[in-house]
PDB file of N, CA and C in Angstrom:
ATOM      1  N   MET A   1      14.195  14.278   6.492  1.00  0.00           N
ATOM      2  CA  MET A   1      13.385  12.927   6.890  1.00  0.00           C
ATOM      3  C   MET A   1      12.891  12.779   5.828  1.00  0.00           C
ATOM      4  N   THR A   2      13.361  11.575   4.851  1.00  0.00           N
ATOM      5  CA  THR A   2      12.334  11.185   3.802  1.00  0.00           C
ATOM      6  C   THR A   2      10.787  11.294   3.615  1.00  0.00           C
ATOM      7  N   GLN A   3      10.656  11.914   2.535  1.00  0.00           N
ATOM      8  CA  GLN A   3       8.867  12.308   2.841  1.00  0.00           C
ATOM      9  C   GLN A   3       8.063  11.250   1.440  1.00  0.00           C
ATOM     10  N   LEU A   4       8.617   9.515   1.670  1.00  0.00           N
ATOM     11  CA  LEU A   4       8.258   8.971   0.424  1.00  0.00           C
ATOM     12  C   LEU A   4       6.979   8.322   0.814  1.00  0.00           C
ATOM     13  N   ARG A   5       5.653   8.214  -0.263  1.00  0.00           N
ATOM     14  CA  ARG A   5       4.321   7.830   0.185  1.00  0.00           C
ATOM     15  C   ARG A   5       4.002   6.501  -0.615  1.00  0.00           C
ATOM     16  N   VAL A   6       2.799   5.677  -0.081  1.00  0.00           N
ATOM     17  CA  VAL A   6       2.570   4.774  -1.309  1.00  0.00           C
ATOM     18  C   VAL A   6       1.643   5.276  -1.614  1.00  0.00           C
ATOM     19  N   THR A   7       1.033   5.181  -2.755  1.00  0.00           N
ATOM     20  CA  THR A   7       0.171   5.493  -3.511  1.00  0.00           C
ATOM     21  C   THR A   7      -0.852   5.004  -4.419  1.00  0.00           C
ATOM     22  N   ALA A   8      -2.218   4.662  -4.092  1.00  0.00           N
ATOM     23  CA  ALA A   8      -2.789   3.611  -4.792  1.00  0.00           C
ATOM     24  C   ALA A   8      -3.658   4.686  -5.761  1.00  0.00           C
ATOM     25  N   LEU A   9      -3.570   3.886  -7.214  1.00  0.00           N
ATOM     26  CA  LEU A   9      -4.246   4.594  -8.046  1.00  0.00           C
ATOM     27  C   LEU A   9      -5.301   3.418  -8.760  1.00  0.00           C
ATOM     28  N   MET A  10      -6.490   3.908  -8.029  1.00  0.00           N
ATOM     29  CA  MET A  10      -7.499   3.455  -8.673  1.00  0.00           C
ATOM     30  C   MET A  10      -8.198   3.512 -10.493  1.00  0.00           C
ATOM     31  N   ALA A  11      -9.194   2.369 -10.293  1.00  0.00           N
ATOM     32  CA  ALA A  11      -9.210   2.204 -11.797  1.00  0.00           C
ATOM     33  C   ALA A  11     -10.195   3.331 -12.605  1.00  0.00           C
ATOM     34  N   ASP A  12     -10.845   4.196 -11.427  1.00  0.00           N
ATOM     35  CA  ASP A  12     -12.080   5.310 -11.725  1.00  0.00           C
ATOM     36  C   ASP A  12     -10.822   6.615 -11.738  1.00  0.00           C
ATOM     37  N   GLY A  13      -9.531   6.025 -11.759  1.00  0.00           N
ATOM     38  CA  GLY A  13      -8.294   7.504 -11.712  1.00  0.00           C
ATOM     39  C   GLY A  13      -8.388   8.329 -10.449  1.00  0.00           C
ATOM     40  N   GLN A  14      -8.934   7.829  -9.852  1.00  0.00           N
ATOM     41  CA  GLN A  14      -8.443   8.516  -8.495  1.00  0.00           C
ATOM     42  C   GLN A  14      -7.169   8.046  -7.549  1.00  0.00           C
ATOM     43  N   THR A  15      -7.201   8.827  -7.016  1.00  0.00           N
ATOM     44  CA  THR A  15      -5.634   8.699  -6.095  1.00  0.00           C
ATOM     45  C   THR A  15      -5.826   8.644  -4.496  1.00  0.00           C
ATOM     46  N   MET A  16      -5.318   7.091  -3.588  1.00  0.00           N
ATOM     47  CA  MET A  16      -5.364   7.702  -2.256  1.00  0.00           C
ATOM     48  C   MET A  16      -4.113   7.510  -1.852  1.00  0.00           C
ATOM     49  N   GLN A  17      -3.592   8.122  -1.061  1.00  0.00           N
ATOM     50  CA  GLN A  17      -1.931   7.690  -0.126  1.00  0.00           C
ATOM     51  C   GLN A  17      -2.649   6.848   1.104  1.00  0.00           C
ATOM     52  N   VAL A  18      -2.106   5.949   0.642  1.00  0.00           N
ATOM     53  CA  VAL A  18      -2.044   4.776   1.278  1.00  0.00           C
ATOM     54  C   VAL A  18      -0.612   4.078   3.007  1.00  0.00           C
ATOM     55  N   THR A  19      -1.482   4.098   3.917  1.00  0.00           N
ATOM     56  CA  THR A  19      -0.337   3.901   5.220  1.00  0.00           C
ATOM     57  C   THR A  19      -0.333   2.403   5.387  1.00  0.00           C
ATOM     58  N   ALA A  20      -0.959   1.895   5.594  1.00  0.00           N
ATOM     59  CA  ALA A  20      -1.512   0.314   5.929  1.00  0.00           C
ATOM     60  C   ALA A  20      -2.426  -0.372   4.644  1.00  0.00           C
ATOM     61  N   VAL A  21      -2.440  -1.671   4.790  1.00  0.00           N
ATOM     62  CA  VAL A  21      -3.391  -2.481   3.701  1.00  0.00           C
ATOM     63  C   VAL A  21      -3.170  -3.830   4.421  1.00  0.00           C
ATOM     64  N   THR A  22      -4.604  -3.874   4.697  1.00  0.00           N
ATOM     65  CA  THR A  22      -4.840  -5.602   5.471  1.00  0.00           C
ATOM     66  C   THR A  22      -5.568  -6.547   4.383  1.00  0.00           C
ATOM     67  N   ALA A  23      -5.304  -7.543   4.135  1.00  0.00           N
ATOM     68  CA  ALA A  23      -6.530  -8.605   3.511  1.00  0.00           C
ATOM     69  C   ALA A  23      -7.794  -8.687   4.222  1.00  0.00           C
ATOM     70  N   TRP A  24      -8.679  -9.087   4.176  1.00  0.00           N
ATOM     71  CA  TRP A  24      -9.340  -8.723   5.013  1.00  0.00           C
ATOM     72  C   TRP A  24      -9.777  -9.327   6.067  1.00  0.00           C
ATOM     73  N   GLN A  25     -10.332  -9.181   6.834  1.00  0.00           N
ATOM     74  CA  GLN A  25     -10.044  -9.688   8.711  1.00  0.00           C
ATOM     75  C   GLN A  25      -8.550 -10.356   9.108  1.00  0.00           C
ATOM     76  N   GLU A  26      -7.202 -10.118   8.368  1.00  0.00           N
ATOM     77  CA  GLU A  26      -6.277 -10.199   8.942  1.00  0.00           C
ATOM     78  C   GLU A  26      -5.349  -8.538   9.374  1.00  0.00           C
ATOM     79  N   GLN A  27      -4.331  -9.221  10.139  1.00  0.00           N
ATOM     80  CA  GLN A  27      -3.467  -7.813  10.766  1.00  0.00           C
ATOM     81  C   GLN A  27      -3.190  -6.910   9.458  1.00  0.00           C
ATOM     82  N   TRP A  28      -3.066  -5.766  10.007  1.00  0.00           N
ATOM     83  CA  TRP A  28      -3.076  -4.862   9.289  1.00  0.00           C
ATOM     84  C   TRP A  28      -1.314  -4.643   8.870  1.00  0.00           C
ATOM     85  N   THR A  29      -0.677  -4.489   7.850  1.00  0.00           N
ATOM     86  CA  THR A  29       0.740  -4.214   7.359  1.00  0.00           C
ATOM     87  C   THR A  29       0.507  -2.924   7.141  1.00  0.00           C
ATOM     88  N   THR A  30       1.420  -2.295   7.676  1.00  0.00           N
ATOM     89  CA  THR A  30       1.857  -0.847   7.271  1.00  0.00           C
ATOM     90  C   THR A  30       3.053  -0.376   6.656  1.00  0.00           C
ATOM     91  N   LEU A  31       2.753   0.211   5.719  1.00  0.00           N
ATOM     92  CA  LEU A  31       3.293   1.262   4.864  1.00  0.00           C
ATOM     93  C   LEU A  31       4.069   2.247   4.987  1.00  0.00           C
ATOM     94  N   GLU A  32       4.785   2.929   5.863  1.00  0.00           N
ATOM     95  CA  GLU A  32       4.943   3.388   6.907  1.00  0.00           C
ATOM     96  C   GLU A  32       6.919   3.858   5.962  1.00  0.00           C
ATOM     97  N   PRO A  33       7.441   4.989   5.761  1.00  0.00           N
ATOM     98  CA  PRO A  33       8.942   4.671   5.403  1.00  0.00           C
ATOM     99  C   PRO A  33       9.735   4.264   6.999  1.00  0.00           C
ATOM    100  N   ALA A  34      10.873   3.494   6.759  1.00  0.00           N
ATOM    101  CA  ALA A  34      11.546   3.392   8.142  1.00  0.00           C
ATOM    102  C   ALA A  34      12.459   4.353   7.613  1.00  0.00           C
ATOM    103  N   GLU A  35      12.939   4.548   9.028  1.00  0.00           N
ATOM    104  CA  GLU A  35      14.195   6.007   9.251  1.00  0.00           C
ATOM    105  C   GLU A  35      15.496   5.779   9.272  1.00  0.00           C
ATOM    106  N   GLY A  36      16.369   6.267   8.701  1.00  0.00           N
ATOM    107  CA  GLY A  36      17.475   5.776   9.019  1.00  0.00           C
ATOM    108  C   GLY A  36      18.318   5.230   7.660  1.00  0.00           C
ATOM    109  N   LYS A  37      17.580   4.966   6.597  1.00  0.00           N
ATOM    110  CA  LYS A  37      18.086   4.625   5.466  1.00  0.00           C
ATOM    111  C   LYS A  37      18.136   5.562   4.583  1.00  0.00           C
ATOM    112  N   SER A  38      18.466   5.096   3.282  1.00  0.00           N
ATOM    113  CA  SER A  38      18.291   6.202   1.940  1.00  0.00           C
ATOM    114  C   SER A  38      17.374   6.233   1.606  1.00  0.00           C
ATOM    115  N   GLU A  39      16.751   6.852   0.605  1.00  0.00           N
ATOM    116  CA  GLU A  39      15.557   7.281  -0.412  1.00  0.00           C
ATOM    117  C   GLU A  39      15.544   5.751  -1.258  1.00  0.00           C
ATOM    118  N   ASP A  40      16.529   5.472  -1.821  1.00  0.00           N
ATOM    119  CA  ASP A  40      16.121   4.312  -1.964  1.00  0.00           C
ATOM    120  C   ASP A  40      15.769   2.984  -1.752  1.00  0.00           C
ATOM    121  N   GLU A  41      16.529   2.834  -0.670  1.00  0.00           N
ATOM    122  CA  GLU A  41      16.275   1.463   0.183  1.00  0.00           C
ATOM    123  C   GLU A  41      15.151   1.856   0.706  1.00  0.00           C
ATOM    124  N   ILE A  42      14.490   2.960   1.273  1.00  0.00           N
ATOM    125  CA  ILE A  42      12.791   3.000   1.604  1.00  0.00           C
ATOM    126  C   ILE A  42      12.232   3.059   1.012  1.00  0.00           C
ATOM    127  N   ARG A  43      12.295   3.517  -0.414  1.00  0.00           N
ATOM    128  CA  ARG A  43      11.437   2.589  -1.679  1.00  0.00           C
ATOM    129  C   ARG A  43      11.441   1.201  -2.199  1.00  0.00           C
ATOM    130  N   LYS A  44      12.572   0.639  -2.789  1.00  0.00           N
ATOM    131  CA  LYS A  44      12.798  -0.588  -2.567  1.00  0.00           C
ATOM    132  C   LYS A  44      11.687  -1.623  -1.423  1.00  0.00           C
ATOM    133  N   GLY A  45      12.430  -1.214  -0.110  1.00  0.00           N
ATOM    134  CA  GLY A  45      11.733  -1.551   0.763  1.00  0.00           C
ATOM    135  C   GLY A  45      10.080  -1.818   1.034  1.00  0.00           C
ATOM    136  N   LEU A  46       9.567  -0.435   0.353  1.00  0.00           N
ATOM    137  CA  LEU A  46       7.916  -0.550   0.841  1.00  0.00           C
ATOM    138  C   LEU A  46       7.263  -1.103  -0.381  1.00  0.00           C
ATOM    139  N   ALA A  47       8.143  -0.874  -1.684  1.00  0.00           N
ATOM    140  CA  ALA A  47       7.535  -1.619  -3.180  1.00  0.00           C
ATOM    141  C   ALA A  47       7.722  -2.793  -2.373  1.00  0.00           C
ATOM    142  N   GLU A  48       8.792  -3.665  -1.668  1.00  0.00           N
ATOM    143  CA  GLU A  48       8.749  -5.476  -1.764  1.00  0.00           C
ATOM    144  C   GLU A  48       8.152  -5.327  -0.871  1.00  0.00           C
ATOM    145  N   THR A  49       7.576  -5.239   0.051  1.00  0.00           N
ATOM    146  CA  THR A  49       6.722  -5.258   1.145  1.00  0.00           C
ATOM    147  C   THR A  49       5.426  -5.261   0.523  1.00  0.00           C
ATOM    148  N   LEU A  50       4.865  -4.518  -0.308  1.00  0.00           N
ATOM    149  CA  LEU A  50       3.686  -4.070  -0.808  1.00  0.00           C
ATOM    150  C   LEU A  50       3.765  -5.455  -1.783  1.00  0.00           C
ATOM    151  N   ARG A  51       4.759  -5.700  -2.643  1.00  0.00           N
ATOM    152  CA  ARG A  51       4.480  -6.654  -3.897  1.00  0.00           C
ATOM    153  C   ARG A  51       4.373  -8.405  -3.179  1.00  0.00           C
ATOM    154  N   ALA A  52       5.340  -8.120  -1.765  1.00  0.00           N
ATOM    155  CA  ALA A  52       4.809  -9.692  -1.441  1.00  0.00           C
ATOM    156  C   ALA A  52       3.313 -10.184  -0.925  1.00  0.00           C
ATOM    157  N   TYR A  53       3.322  -8.642  -0.027  1.00  0.00           N
ATOM    158  CA  TYR A  53       1.730  -8.648   0.294  1.00  0.00           C
ATOM    159  C   TYR A  53       0.248  -9.235  -0.737  1.00  0.00           C
ATOM    160  N   LEU A  54       0.868  -8.686  -1.507  1.00  0.00           N
ATOM    161  CA  LEU A  54      -0.186  -8.560  -2.705  1.00  0.00           C
ATOM    162  C   LEU A  54       0.155 -10.064  -3.324  1.00  0.00           C
ATOM    163  N   ALA A  55       1.041 -10.881  -3.571  1.00  0.00           N
ATOM    164  CA  ALA A  55       1.328 -11.832  -3.908  1.00  0.00           C
ATOM    165  C   ALA A  55       0.540 -12.850  -3.243  1.00  0.00           C
ATOM    166  N   GLU A  56       1.063 -12.912  -1.964  1.00  0.00           N
ATOM    167  CA  GLU A  56       0.333 -13.496  -0.845  1.00  0.00           C
ATOM    168  C   GLU A  56      -1.367 -13.518  -0.398  1.00  0.00           C
ATOM    169  N   ASN A  57      -1.878 -12.201  -0.952  1.00  0.00           N
ATOM    170  CA  ASN A  57      -3.244 -12.075  -0.538  1.00  0.00           C
ATOM    171  C   ASN A  57      -4.340 -11.748  -1.361  1.00  0.00           C
ATOM    172  N   GLY A  58      -3.808 -11.987  -3.240  1.00  0.00           N
ATOM    173  CA  GLY A  58      -3.768 -10.827  -4.170  1.00  0.00           C
ATOM    174  C   GLY A  58      -5.845 -11.006  -4.298  1.00  0.00           C
ATOM    175  N   GLU A  59      -5.967 -12.619  -3.956  1.00  0.00           N
ATOM    176  CA  GLU A  59      -7.576 -13.556  -4.341  1.00  0.00           C
ATOM    177  C   GLU A  59      -8.384 -13.034  -3.033  1.00  0.00           C
ATOM    178  N   ARG A  60      -7.907 -12.443  -2.234  1.00  0.00           N
ATOM    179  CA  ARG A  60      -8.911 -11.483  -1.310  1.00  0.00           C
ATOM    180  C   ARG A  60      -9.187 -10.480  -1.363  1.00  0.00           C
ATOM    181  N   PRO A  61     -10.497  -9.718  -0.715  1.00  0.00           N
ATOM    182  CA  PRO A  61     -10.268  -8.287  -0.835  1.00  0.00           C
ATOM    183  C   PRO A  61      -9.581  -8.086   0.303  1.00  0.00           C
ATOM    184  N   LEU A  62      -8.992  -6.186  -0.543  1.00  0.00           N
ATOM    185  CA  LEU A  62      -7.573  -5.419   0.185  1.00  0.00           C
ATOM    186  C   LEU A  62      -8.506  -4.446   1.068  1.00  0.00           C
ATOM    187  N   VAL A  63      -8.465  -4.379   2.110  1.00  0.00           N
ATOM    188  CA  VAL A  63      -8.379  -3.204   2.379  1.00  0.00           C
ATOM    189  C   VAL A  63      -7.488  -2.012   2.769  1.00  0.00           C
ATOM    190  N   LEU A  64      -7.697  -0.810   1.824  1.00  0.00           N
ATOM    191  CA  LEU A  64      -6.607   0.302   2.440  1.00  0.00           C
ATOM    192  C   LEU A  64      -6.864   1.236   3.382  1.00  0.00           C
ATOM    193  N   ARG A  65      -5.797   1.477   3.837  1.00  0.00           N
ATOM    194  CA  ARG A  65      -6.160   2.823   5.209  1.00  0.00           C
ATOM    195  C   ARG A  65      -5.500   3.835   4.822  1.00  0.00           C
ATOM    196  N   GLY A  66      -6.153   5.277   4.385  1.00  0.00           N
ATOM    197  CA  GLY A  66      -5.403   6.630   4.647  1.00  0.00           C
ATOM    198  C   GLY A  66      -5.320   6.961   5.515  1.00  0.00           C
ATOM    199  N   PRO A  67      -4.497   8.212   5.446  1.00  0.00           N
ATOM    200  CA  PRO A  67      -4.411   9.044   6.574  1.00  0.00           C
ATOM    201  C   PRO A  67      -6.153   9.509   6.888  1.00  0.00           C
ATOM    202  N   ASP A  68      -6.535   9.594   6.197  1.00  0.00           N
ATOM    203  CA  ASP A  68      -8.276   9.866   6.422  1.00  0.00           C
ATOM    204  C   ASP A  68      -9.136   9.092   5.782  1.00  0.00           C
ATOM    205  N   SER A  69      -9.541   7.985   5.448  1.00  0.00           N
ATOM    206  CA  SER A  69     -10.032   7.119   4.804  1.00  0.00           C
ATOM    207  C   SER A  69      -9.717   5.396   4.775  1.00  0.00           C
ATOM    208  N   VAL A  70     -10.628   5.233   4.438  1.00  0.00           N
ATOM    209  CA  VAL A  70     -10.299   3.740   4.036  1.00  0.00           C
ATOM    210  C   VAL A  70     -11.317   2.999   2.940  1.00  0.00           C
ATOM    211  N   ILE A  71     -10.456   1.971   2.578  1.00  0.00           N
ATOM    212  CA  ILE A  71     -11.466   1.682   0.868  1.00  0.00           C
ATOM    213  C   ILE A  71     -11.526   0.500   0.881  1.00  0.00           C
ATOM    214  N   VAL A  72     -12.169  -0.319   0.445  1.00  0.00           N
ATOM    215  CA  VAL A  72     -12.442  -2.142   0.095  1.00  0.00           C
ATOM    216  C   VAL A  72     -11.927  -2.079  -1.204  1.00  0.00           C
ATOM    217  N   CYS A  73     -11.442  -3.199  -1.566  1.00  0.00           N
ATOM    218  CA  CYS A  73     -11.249  -2.930  -3.019  1.00  0.00           C
ATOM    219  C   CYS A  73     -11.378  -5.095  -2.765  1.00  0.00           C
ATOM    220  N   PRO A  74     -12.443  -5.044  -3.865  1.00  0.00           N
ATOM    221  CA  PRO A  74     -12.728  -6.628  -3.640  1.00  0.00           C
ATOM    222  C   PRO A  74     -11.677  -7.665  -4.784  1.00  0.00           C
ATOM    223  N   PRO A  75     -11.590  -8.637  -4.701  1.00  0.00           N
ATOM    224  CA  PRO A  75     -10.678  -9.206  -5.142  1.00  0.00           C
ATOM    225  C   PRO A  75     -10.718  -8.925  -6.896  1.00  0.00           C
ATOM    226  N   GLY A  76      -9.578  -8.935  -7.602  1.00  0.00           N
ATOM    227  CA  GLY A  76      -9.407  -8.504  -9.214  1.00  0.00           C
ATOM    228  C   GLY A  76      -9.493  -7.344  -9.565  1.00  0.00           C
ATOM    229  N   ASN A  77      -9.839  -6.275  -8.604  1.00  0.00           N
ATOM    230  CA  ASN A  77     -10.140  -5.047  -8.584  1.00  0.00           C
ATOM    231  C   ASN A  77      -8.886  -4.386  -7.786  1.00  0.00           C
ATOM    232  N   ILE A  78      -7.906  -4.566  -7.374  1.00  0.00           N
ATOM    233  CA  ILE A  78      -6.527  -4.274  -6.744  1.00  0.00           C
ATOM    234  C   ILE A  78      -6.446  -3.154  -8.310  1.00  0.00           C
ATOM    235  N   PRO A  79      -5.759  -1.690  -6.929  1.00  0.00           N
ATOM    236  CA  PRO A  79      -5.764  -0.366  -7.718  1.00  0.00           C
ATOM    237  C   PRO A  79      -3.967  -1.165  -8.254  1.00  0.00           C
ATOM    238  N   GLN A  80      -3.711  -0.144  -8.890  1.00  0.00           N
ATOM    239  CA  GLN A  80      -2.382  -0.159  -9.054  1.00  0.00           C
ATOM    240  C   GLN A  80      -1.147   0.645  -8.057  1.00  0.00           C
ATOM    241  N   PHE A  81      -0.096   0.393  -7.441  1.00  0.00           N
ATOM    242  CA  PHE A  81       0.691   1.228  -6.250  1.00  0.00           C
ATOM    243  C   PHE A  81       1.637   1.502  -7.465  1.00  0.00           C
ATOM    244  N   ARG A  82       2.103   2.989  -6.809  1.00  0.00           N
ATOM    245  CA  ARG A  82       3.286   3.762  -6.809  1.00  0.00           C
ATOM    246  C   ARG A  82       3.469   4.439  -5.507  1.00  0.00           C
ATOM    247  N   VAL A  83       5.437   4.034  -5.218  1.00  0.00           N
ATOM    248  CA  VAL A  83       5.669   4.918  -4.364  1.00  0.00           C
ATOM    249  C   VAL A  83       6.906   5.515  -4.650  1.00  0.00           C
ATOM    250  N   ARG A  84       6.643   6.894  -4.102  1.00  0.00           N
ATOM    251  CA  ARG A  84       7.304   8.291  -4.646  1.00  0.00           C
ATOM    252  C   ARG A  84       7.383   8.965  -3.310  1.00  0.00           C
TER     253      ARG A  84
END
């Protein structure tokens, strides 16, 4: 099984594993790897999902959910993301 993760790099240098995102008051978009695909296909799929979501909702507060925490990012203070 592929162990790819989406990680957010916050402005203060802290990192957080992200399993789902939502624009405030919207449904969660899950960022879990799909099974049965190559690592490259999974990485590209997760990156494209995240890129499209941010393009559509970048002017709204963004809520990041991880395995053990939730963080709210105000508009204009969206972290950088990495899929690894």
